[in-house]
């Protein structure tokens, strides 16, 4: 039987960068790692977080090179060991 690869990564593959200190930052980061990309509206709907909070978190995650923004989409960057604490 031919098994297809699961669309989402396994939990064991979702190591968090050590610089992510807050639960909200970890949640947004993990969501983006699993879904590959998302807009503010998608994050708001999926996570139930206020958009103002998401904008702030994504600004920090982008500044610390954990997340990149392309148009309205946010995507995770490959893990790095640099960046500030959240």
PDB file of N, CA and C in Angstrom:
ATOM      1  N   UNK A   1       0.841  -1.177   0.000  1.00  0.00           N
ATOM      2  CA  UNK A   1       0.000   0.000   0.000  1.00  0.00           C
ATOM      3  C   UNK A   1       0.889   1.244   0.000  1.00  0.00           C
ATOM      4  N   UNK A   2       0.559   2.213  -0.834  1.00  0.00           N
ATOM      5  CA  UNK A   2       1.335   3.439  -0.950  1.00  0.00           C
ATOM      6  C   UNK A   2       0.793   4.469   0.031  1.00  0.00           C
ATOM      7  N   UNK A   3       1.601   4.819   1.022  1.00  0.00           N
ATOM      8  CA  UNK A   3       1.199   5.820   2.007  1.00  0.00           C
ATOM      9  C   UNK A   3       1.684   7.185   1.553  1.00  0.00           C
ATOM     10  N   UNK A   4       0.816   8.171   1.683  1.00  0.00           N
ATOM     11  CA  UNK A   4       1.209   9.526   1.331  1.00  0.00           C
ATOM     12  C   UNK A   4       1.774  10.225   2.554  1.00  0.00           C
ATOM     13  N   UNK A   5       2.617  11.208   2.317  1.00  0.00           N
ATOM     14  CA  UNK A   5       3.199  11.977   3.399  1.00  0.00           C
ATOM     15  C   UNK A   5       2.117  12.844   4.038  1.00  0.00           C
ATOM     16  N   UNK A   6       2.098  12.955   5.358  1.00  0.00           N
ATOM     17  CA  UNK A   6       1.120  13.840   5.996  1.00  0.00           C
ATOM     18  C   UNK A   6       1.401  15.286   5.614  1.00  0.00           C
ATOM     19  N   UNK A   7       0.333  16.080   5.521  1.00  0.00           N
ATOM     20  CA  UNK A   7       0.480  17.481   5.147  1.00  0.00           C
ATOM     21  C   UNK A   7       1.219  18.263   6.223  1.00  0.00           C
ATOM     22  N   UNK A   8       1.001  17.920   7.484  1.00  0.00           N
ATOM     23  CA  UNK A   8       1.611  18.637   8.585  1.00  0.00           C
ATOM     24  C   UNK A   8       2.821  17.883   9.102  1.00  0.00           C
ATOM     25  N   UNK A   9       3.745  18.633   9.670  1.00  0.00           N
ATOM     26  CA  UNK A   9       4.934  18.035  10.257  1.00  0.00           C
ATOM     27  C   UNK A   9       4.574  17.321  11.549  1.00  0.00           C
ATOM     28  N   UNK A  10       5.362  16.338  11.914  1.00  0.00           N
ATOM     29  CA  UNK A  10       5.175  15.643  13.182  1.00  0.00           C
ATOM     30  C   UNK A  10       5.619  16.557  14.322  1.00  0.00           C
ATOM     31  N   UNK A  11       5.017  16.386  15.503  1.00  0.00           N
ATOM     32  CA  UNK A  11       5.336  17.220  16.652  1.00  0.00           C
ATOM     33  C   UNK A  11       6.819  17.147  17.025  1.00  0.00           C
ATOM     34  N   UNK A  12       7.457  16.016  16.856  1.00  0.00           N
ATOM     35  CA  UNK A  12       8.870  15.863  17.204  1.00  0.00           C
ATOM     36  C   UNK A  12       9.754  16.764  16.347  1.00  0.00           C
ATOM     37  N   UNK A  13       9.273  17.157  15.170  1.00  0.00           N
ATOM     38  CA  UNK A  13      10.047  17.995  14.257  1.00  0.00           C
ATOM     39  C   UNK A  13       9.866  19.491  14.538  1.00  0.00           C
ATOM     40  N   UNK A  14       9.090  19.841  15.547  1.00  0.00           N
ATOM     41  CA  UNK A  14       8.740  21.231  15.777  1.00  0.00           C
ATOM     42  C   UNK A  14       9.486  21.817  16.972  1.00  0.00           C
ATOM     43  N   UNK A  15      10.789  21.759  16.937  1.00  0.00           N
ATOM     44  CA  UNK A  15      11.595  22.361  17.996  1.00  0.00           C
ATOM     45  C   UNK A  15      11.418  23.874  17.972  1.00  0.00           C
ATOM     46  N   UNK A  16      11.303  24.444  19.156  1.00  0.00           N
ATOM     47  CA  UNK A  16      11.160  25.889  19.280  1.00  0.00           C
ATOM     48  C   UNK A  16      12.515  26.552  19.467  1.00  0.00           C
ATOM     49  N   UNK A  17      12.720  27.712  18.850  1.00  0.00           N
ATOM     50  CA  UNK A  17      13.940  28.457  19.126  1.00  0.00           C
ATOM     51  C   UNK A  17      13.977  28.843  20.607  1.00  0.00           C
ATOM     52  N   UNK A  18      15.138  28.793  21.204  1.00  0.00           N
ATOM     53  CA  UNK A  18      15.276  29.103  22.621  1.00  0.00           C
ATOM     54  C   UNK A  18      14.933  30.548  22.950  1.00  0.00           C
ATOM     55  N   UNK A  19      14.964  31.428  21.966  1.00  0.00           N
ATOM     56  CA  UNK A  19      14.709  32.845  22.210  1.00  0.00           C
ATOM     57  C   UNK A  19      13.224  33.172  22.335  1.00  0.00           C
ATOM     58  N   UNK A  20      12.339  32.218  22.074  1.00  0.00           N
ATOM     59  CA  UNK A  20      10.907  32.463  22.226  1.00  0.00           C
ATOM     60  C   UNK A  20      10.512  32.198  23.670  1.00  0.00           C
ATOM     61  N   UNK A  21      10.212  33.264  24.395  1.00  0.00           N
ATOM     62  CA  UNK A  21       9.944  33.149  25.826  1.00  0.00           C
ATOM     63  C   UNK A  21       8.467  33.157  26.189  1.00  0.00           C
ATOM     64  N   UNK A  22       7.623  33.802  25.384  1.00  0.00           N
ATOM     65  CA  UNK A  22       6.213  33.912  25.755  1.00  0.00           C
ATOM     66  C   UNK A  22       5.382  32.826  25.088  1.00  0.00           C
ATOM     67  N   UNK A  23       4.308  32.465  25.756  1.00  0.00           N
ATOM     68  CA  UNK A  23       3.403  31.447  25.215  1.00  0.00           C
ATOM     69  C   UNK A  23       2.783  31.912  23.892  1.00  0.00           C
ATOM     70  N   UNK A  24       2.429  33.196  23.797  1.00  0.00           N
ATOM     71  CA  UNK A  24       1.836  33.719  22.566  1.00  0.00           C
ATOM     72  C   UNK A  24       2.807  33.652  21.390  1.00  0.00           C
ATOM     73  N   UNK A  25       4.054  34.013  21.622  1.00  0.00           N
ATOM     74  CA  UNK A  25       5.058  33.946  20.557  1.00  0.00           C
ATOM     75  C   UNK A  25       5.271  32.511  20.114  1.00  0.00           C
ATOM     76  N   UNK A  26       5.320  31.591  21.065  1.00  0.00           N
ATOM     77  CA  UNK A  26       5.479  30.170  20.734  1.00  0.00           C
ATOM     78  C   UNK A  26       4.292  29.653  19.936  1.00  0.00           C
ATOM     79  N   UNK A  27       3.089  30.055  20.324  1.00  0.00           N
ATOM     80  CA  UNK A  27       1.887  29.609  19.638  1.00  0.00           C
ATOM     81  C   UNK A  27       1.858  30.080  18.189  1.00  0.00           C
ATOM     82  N   UNK A  28       2.143  31.358  17.973  1.00  0.00           N
ATOM     83  CA  UNK A  28       2.160  31.905  16.611  1.00  0.00           C
ATOM     84  C   UNK A  28       3.253  31.229  15.789  1.00  0.00           C
ATOM     85  N   UNK A  29       4.431  31.080  16.365  1.00  0.00           N
ATOM     86  CA  UNK A  29       5.539  30.444  15.660  1.00  0.00           C
ATOM     87  C   UNK A  29       5.187  29.006  15.273  1.00  0.00           C
ATOM     88  N   UNK A  30       4.653  28.236  16.212  1.00  0.00           N
ATOM     89  CA  UNK A  30       4.292  26.844  15.924  1.00  0.00           C
ATOM     90  C   UNK A  30       3.195  26.757  14.869  1.00  0.00           C
ATOM     91  N   UNK A  31       2.227  27.639  14.943  1.00  0.00           N
ATOM     92  CA  UNK A  31       1.167  27.642  13.938  1.00  0.00           C
ATOM     93  C   UNK A  31       1.756  27.859  12.549  1.00  0.00           C
ATOM     94  N   UNK A  32       2.650  28.834  12.434  1.00  0.00           N
ATOM     95  CA  UNK A  32       3.268  29.103  11.135  1.00  0.00           C
ATOM     96  C   UNK A  32       4.156  27.954  10.671  1.00  0.00           C
ATOM     97  N   UNK A  33       4.836  27.299  11.595  1.00  0.00           N
ATOM     98  CA  UNK A  33       5.651  26.132  11.232  1.00  0.00           C
ATOM     99  C   UNK A  33       4.777  25.013  10.677  1.00  0.00           C
ATOM    100  N   UNK A  34       3.625  24.799  11.294  1.00  0.00           N
ATOM    101  CA  UNK A  34       2.743  23.711  10.877  1.00  0.00           C
ATOM    102  C   UNK A  34       2.017  24.049   9.576  1.00  0.00           C
ATOM    103  N   UNK A  35       1.492  25.256   9.479  1.00  0.00           N
ATOM    104  CA  UNK A  35       0.690  25.647   8.319  1.00  0.00           C
ATOM    105  C   UNK A  35       1.533  26.191   7.164  1.00  0.00           C
ATOM    106  N   UNK A  36       2.788  26.462   7.398  1.00  0.00           N
ATOM    107  CA  UNK A  36       3.738  26.991   6.411  1.00  0.00           C
ATOM    108  C   UNK A  36       3.586  28.487   6.158  1.00  0.00           C
ATOM    109  N   UNK A  37       2.372  28.996   6.138  1.00  0.00           N
ATOM    110  CA  UNK A  37       2.164  30.429   5.957  1.00  0.00           C
ATOM    111  C   UNK A  37       0.759  30.785   6.421  1.00  0.00           C
ATOM    112  N   UNK A  38       0.567  32.056   6.755  1.00  0.00           N
ATOM    113  CA  UNK A  38      -0.754  32.515   7.183  1.00  0.00           C
ATOM    114  C   UNK A  38      -0.808  34.034   7.139  1.00  0.00           C
ATOM    115  N   UNK A  39      -2.014  34.553   6.976  1.00  0.00           N
ATOM    116  CA  UNK A  39      -2.255  35.987   7.061  1.00  0.00           C
ATOM    117  C   UNK A  39      -2.672  36.322   8.497  1.00  0.00           C
ATOM    118  N   UNK A  40      -2.733  37.615   8.790  1.00  0.00           N
ATOM    119  CA  UNK A  40      -3.223  38.049  10.099  1.00  0.00           C
ATOM    120  C   UNK A  40      -4.634  37.515  10.328  1.00  0.00           C
ATOM    121  N   UNK A  41      -5.486  37.602   9.315  1.00  0.00           N
ATOM    122  CA  UNK A  41      -6.864  37.131   9.460  1.00  0.00           C
ATOM    123  C   UNK A  41      -6.917  35.632   9.754  1.00  0.00           C
ATOM    124  N   UNK A  42      -6.071  34.854   9.082  1.00  0.00           N
ATOM    125  CA  UNK A  42      -6.032  33.405   9.330  1.00  0.00           C
ATOM    126  C   UNK A  42      -5.540  33.102  10.741  1.00  0.00           C
ATOM    127  N   UNK A  43      -4.520  33.812  11.184  1.00  0.00           N
ATOM    128  CA  UNK A  43      -4.019  33.624  12.548  1.00  0.00           C
ATOM    129  C   UNK A  43      -5.084  34.015  13.579  1.00  0.00           C
ATOM    130  N   UNK A  44      -5.754  35.112  13.331  1.00  0.00           N
ATOM    131  CA  UNK A  44      -6.810  35.583  14.224  1.00  0.00           C
ATOM    132  C   UNK A  44      -7.919  34.531  14.351  1.00  0.00           C
ATOM    133  N   UNK A  45      -8.356  34.000  13.234  1.00  0.00           N
ATOM    134  CA  UNK A  45      -9.426  33.004  13.229  1.00  0.00           C
ATOM    135  C   UNK A  45      -8.978  31.700  13.884  1.00  0.00           C
ATOM    136  N   UNK A  46      -7.800  31.234  13.531  1.00  0.00           N
ATOM    137  CA  UNK A  46      -7.325  29.940  14.019  1.00  0.00           C
ATOM    138  C   UNK A  46      -6.928  29.961  15.488  1.00  0.00           C
ATOM    139  N   UNK A  47      -6.312  31.049  15.928  1.00  0.00           N
ATOM    140  CA  UNK A  47      -5.765  31.097  17.284  1.00  0.00           C
ATOM    141  C   UNK A  47      -6.633  31.883  18.264  1.00  0.00           C
ATOM    142  N   UNK A  48      -7.584  32.657  17.736  1.00  0.00           N
ATOM    143  CA  UNK A  48      -8.458  33.430  18.604  1.00  0.00           C
ATOM    144  C   UNK A  48      -7.755  34.566  19.317  1.00  0.00           C
ATOM    145  N   UNK A  49      -6.661  35.030  18.747  1.00  0.00           N
ATOM    146  CA  UNK A  49      -5.906  36.130  19.346  1.00  0.00           C
ATOM    147  C   UNK A  49      -6.338  37.450  18.704  1.00  0.00           C
ATOM    148  N   UNK A  50      -6.266  38.524  19.481  1.00  0.00           N
ATOM    149  CA  UNK A  50      -6.590  39.844  18.947  1.00  0.00           C
ATOM    150  C   UNK A  50      -5.572  40.214  17.875  1.00  0.00           C
ATOM    151  N   UNK A  51      -6.066  40.905  16.844  1.00  0.00           N
ATOM    152  CA  UNK A  51      -5.181  41.292  15.748  1.00  0.00           C
ATOM    153  C   UNK A  51      -4.074  42.223  16.217  1.00  0.00           C
ATOM    154  N   UNK A  52      -4.367  43.123  17.143  1.00  0.00           N
ATOM    155  CA  UNK A  52      -3.349  44.040  17.655  1.00  0.00           C
ATOM    156  C   UNK A  52      -2.208  43.262  18.306  1.00  0.00           C
ATOM    157  N   UNK A  53      -2.545  42.177  19.005  1.00  0.00           N
ATOM    158  CA  UNK A  53      -1.536  41.318  19.622  1.00  0.00           C
ATOM    159  C   UNK A  53      -0.732  40.602  18.550  1.00  0.00           C
ATOM    160  N   UNK A  54      -1.422  40.104  17.537  1.00  0.00           N
ATOM    161  CA  UNK A  54      -0.732  39.398  16.449  1.00  0.00           C
ATOM    162  C   UNK A  54       0.224  40.324  15.706  1.00  0.00           C
ATOM    163  N   UNK A  55      -0.205  41.544  15.408  1.00  0.00           N
ATOM    164  CA  UNK A  55       0.684  42.491  14.731  1.00  0.00           C
ATOM    165  C   UNK A  55       1.949  42.731  15.546  1.00  0.00           C
ATOM    166  N   UNK A  56       1.790  42.904  16.837  1.00  0.00           N
ATOM    167  CA  UNK A  56       2.940  43.142  17.710  1.00  0.00           C
ATOM    168  C   UNK A  56       3.871  41.927  17.739  1.00  0.00           C
ATOM    169  N   UNK A  57       3.301  40.741  17.931  1.00  0.00           N
ATOM    170  CA  UNK A  57       4.118  39.518  17.955  1.00  0.00           C
ATOM    171  C   UNK A  57       4.829  39.283  16.629  1.00  0.00           C
ATOM    172  N   UNK A  58       4.123  39.471  15.535  1.00  0.00           N
ATOM    173  CA  UNK A  58       4.721  39.236  14.219  1.00  0.00           C
ATOM    174  C   UNK A  58       5.801  40.264  13.902  1.00  0.00           C
ATOM    175  N   UNK A  59       5.647  41.474  14.391  1.00  0.00           N
ATOM    176  CA  UNK A  59       6.693  42.483  14.206  1.00  0.00           C
ATOM    177  C   UNK A  59       7.972  42.035  14.928  1.00  0.00           C
ATOM    178  N   UNK A  60       7.813  41.539  16.141  1.00  0.00           N
ATOM    179  CA  UNK A  60       8.972  41.065  16.901  1.00  0.00           C
ATOM    180  C   UNK A  60       9.561  39.809  16.263  1.00  0.00           C
ATOM    181  N   UNK A  61       8.718  38.862  15.884  1.00  0.00           N
ATOM    182  CA  UNK A  61       9.199  37.626  15.256  1.00  0.00           C
ATOM    183  C   UNK A  61       9.912  37.914  13.935  1.00  0.00           C
ATOM    184  N   UNK A  62       9.448  38.926  13.215  1.00  0.00           N
ATOM    185  CA  UNK A  62      10.102  39.325  11.968  1.00  0.00           C
ATOM    186  C   UNK A  62      11.443  40.007  12.255  1.00  0.00           C
ATOM    187  N   UNK A  63      11.467  40.871  13.253  1.00  0.00           N
ATOM    188  CA  UNK A  63      12.700  41.588  13.602  1.00  0.00           C
ATOM    189  C   UNK A  63      13.780  40.643  14.118  1.00  0.00           C
ATOM    190  N   UNK A  64      13.380  39.540  14.720  1.00  0.00           N
ATOM    191  CA  UNK A  64      14.356  38.573  15.254  1.00  0.00           C
ATOM    192  C   UNK A  64      14.631  37.437  14.277  1.00  0.00           C
ATOM    193  N   UNK A  65      14.191  37.602  13.024  1.00  0.00           N
ATOM    194  CA  UNK A  65      14.454  36.650  11.934  1.00  0.00           C
ATOM    195  C   UNK A  65      13.852  35.261  12.163  1.00  0.00           C
ATOM    196  N   UNK A  66      12.776  35.178  12.911  1.00  0.00           N
ATOM    197  CA  UNK A  66      12.064  33.906  13.062  1.00  0.00           C
ATOM    198  C   UNK A  66      10.971  33.774  12.014  1.00  0.00           C
ATOM    199  N   UNK A  67      10.457  34.914  11.551  1.00  0.00           N
ATOM    200  CA  UNK A  67       9.347  34.949  10.606  1.00  0.00           C
ATOM    201  C   UNK A  67       9.665  35.973   9.531  1.00  0.00           C
ATOM    202  N   UNK A  68       9.177  35.717   8.327  1.00  0.00           N
ATOM    203  CA  UNK A  68       9.340  36.656   7.230  1.00  0.00           C
ATOM    204  C   UNK A  68       7.959  37.011   6.701  1.00  0.00           C
ATOM    205  N   UNK A  69       7.823  38.213   6.191  1.00  0.00           N
ATOM    206  CA  UNK A  69       6.554  38.660   5.626  1.00  0.00           C
ATOM    207  C   UNK A  69       6.718  38.843   4.132  1.00  0.00           C
ATOM    208  N   UNK A  70       5.786  38.248   3.381  1.00  0.00           N
ATOM    209  CA  UNK A  70       5.733  38.415   1.937  1.00  0.00           C
ATOM    210  C   UNK A  70       4.320  38.861   1.594  1.00  0.00           C
ATOM    211  N   UNK A  71       4.168  40.144   1.290  1.00  0.00           N
ATOM    212  CA  UNK A  71       2.826  40.678   1.060  1.00  0.00           C
ATOM    213  C   UNK A  71       2.035  40.602   2.355  1.00  0.00           C
ATOM    214  N   UNK A  72       0.918  39.882   2.313  1.00  0.00           N
ATOM    215  CA  UNK A  72       0.091  39.714   3.510  1.00  0.00           C
ATOM    216  C   UNK A  72       0.359  38.400   4.219  1.00  0.00           C
ATOM    217  N   UNK A  73       1.257  37.579   3.670  1.00  0.00           N
ATOM    218  CA  UNK A  73       1.554  36.271   4.239  1.00  0.00           C
ATOM    219  C   UNK A  73       2.770  36.321   5.161  1.00  0.00           C
ATOM    220  N   UNK A  74       2.675  35.595   6.257  1.00  0.00           N
ATOM    221  CA  UNK A  74       3.799  35.423   7.176  1.00  0.00           C
ATOM    222  C   UNK A  74       4.249  33.974   7.094  1.00  0.00           C
ATOM    223  N   UNK A  75       5.562  33.768   7.044  1.00  0.00           N
ATOM    224  CA  UNK A  75       6.132  32.422   6.957  1.00  0.00           C
ATOM    225  C   UNK A  75       7.303  32.309   7.921  1.00  0.00           C
ATOM    226  N   UNK A  76       7.551  31.097   8.413  1.00  0.00           N
ATOM    227  CA  UNK A  76       8.687  30.868   9.305  1.00  0.00           C
ATOM    228  C   UNK A  76       9.983  30.826   8.526  1.00  0.00           C
ATOM    229  N   UNK A  77      11.014  31.363   9.144  1.00  0.00           N
ATOM    230  CA  UNK A  77      12.364  31.270   8.618  1.00  0.00           C
ATOM    231  C   UNK A  77      13.013  30.026   9.184  1.00  0.00           C
ATOM    232  N   UNK A  78      14.048  29.525   8.536  1.00  0.00           N
ATOM    233  CA  UNK A  78      14.799  28.427   9.145  1.00  0.00           C
ATOM    234  C   UNK A  78      15.281  28.868  10.525  1.00  0.00           C
ATOM    235  N   UNK A  79      15.337  27.935  11.454  1.00  0.00           N
ATOM    236  CA  UNK A  79      15.731  28.280  12.817  1.00  0.00           C
ATOM    237  C   UNK A  79      17.113  28.878  12.854  1.00  0.00           C
ATOM    238  N   UNK A  80      17.227  29.911  13.719  1.00  0.00           N
ATOM    239  CA  UNK A  80      18.504  30.563  13.921  1.00  0.00           C
ATOM    240  C   UNK A  80      18.797  30.589  15.404  1.00  0.00           C
ATOM    241  N   UNK A  81      20.020  30.869  15.731  1.00  0.00           N
ATOM    242  CA  UNK A  81      20.383  30.977  17.152  1.00  0.00           C
ATOM    243  C   UNK A  81      20.526  32.414  17.578  1.00  0.00           C
ATOM    244  N   UNK A  82      20.209  33.359  16.641  1.00  0.00           N
ATOM    245  CA  UNK A  82      20.308  34.773  16.972  1.00  0.00           C
ATOM    246  C   UNK A  82      18.932  35.336  17.220  1.00  0.00           C
ATOM    247  N   UNK A  83      18.894  36.543  17.708  1.00  0.00           N
ATOM    248  CA  UNK A  83      17.614  37.220  17.929  1.00  0.00           C
ATOM    249  C   UNK A  83      17.387  37.460  19.398  1.00  0.00           C
ATOM    250  N   UNK A  84      16.520  38.408  19.678  1.00  0.00           N
ATOM    251  CA  UNK A  84      16.228  38.758  21.061  1.00  0.00           C
ATOM    252  C   UNK A  84      15.182  37.868  21.677  1.00  0.00           C
ATOM    253  N   UNK A  85      15.005  38.027  22.966  1.00  0.00           N
ATOM    254  CA  UNK A  85      13.992  37.268  23.683  1.00  0.00           C
ATOM    255  C   UNK A  85      12.616  37.859  23.479  1.00  0.00           C
ATOM    256  N   UNK A  86      11.619  37.009  23.487  1.00  0.00           N
ATOM    257  CA  UNK A  86      10.231  37.453  23.389  1.00  0.00           C
ATOM    258  C   UNK A  86       9.528  37.158  24.687  1.00  0.00           C
TER     259      UNK A  86
END
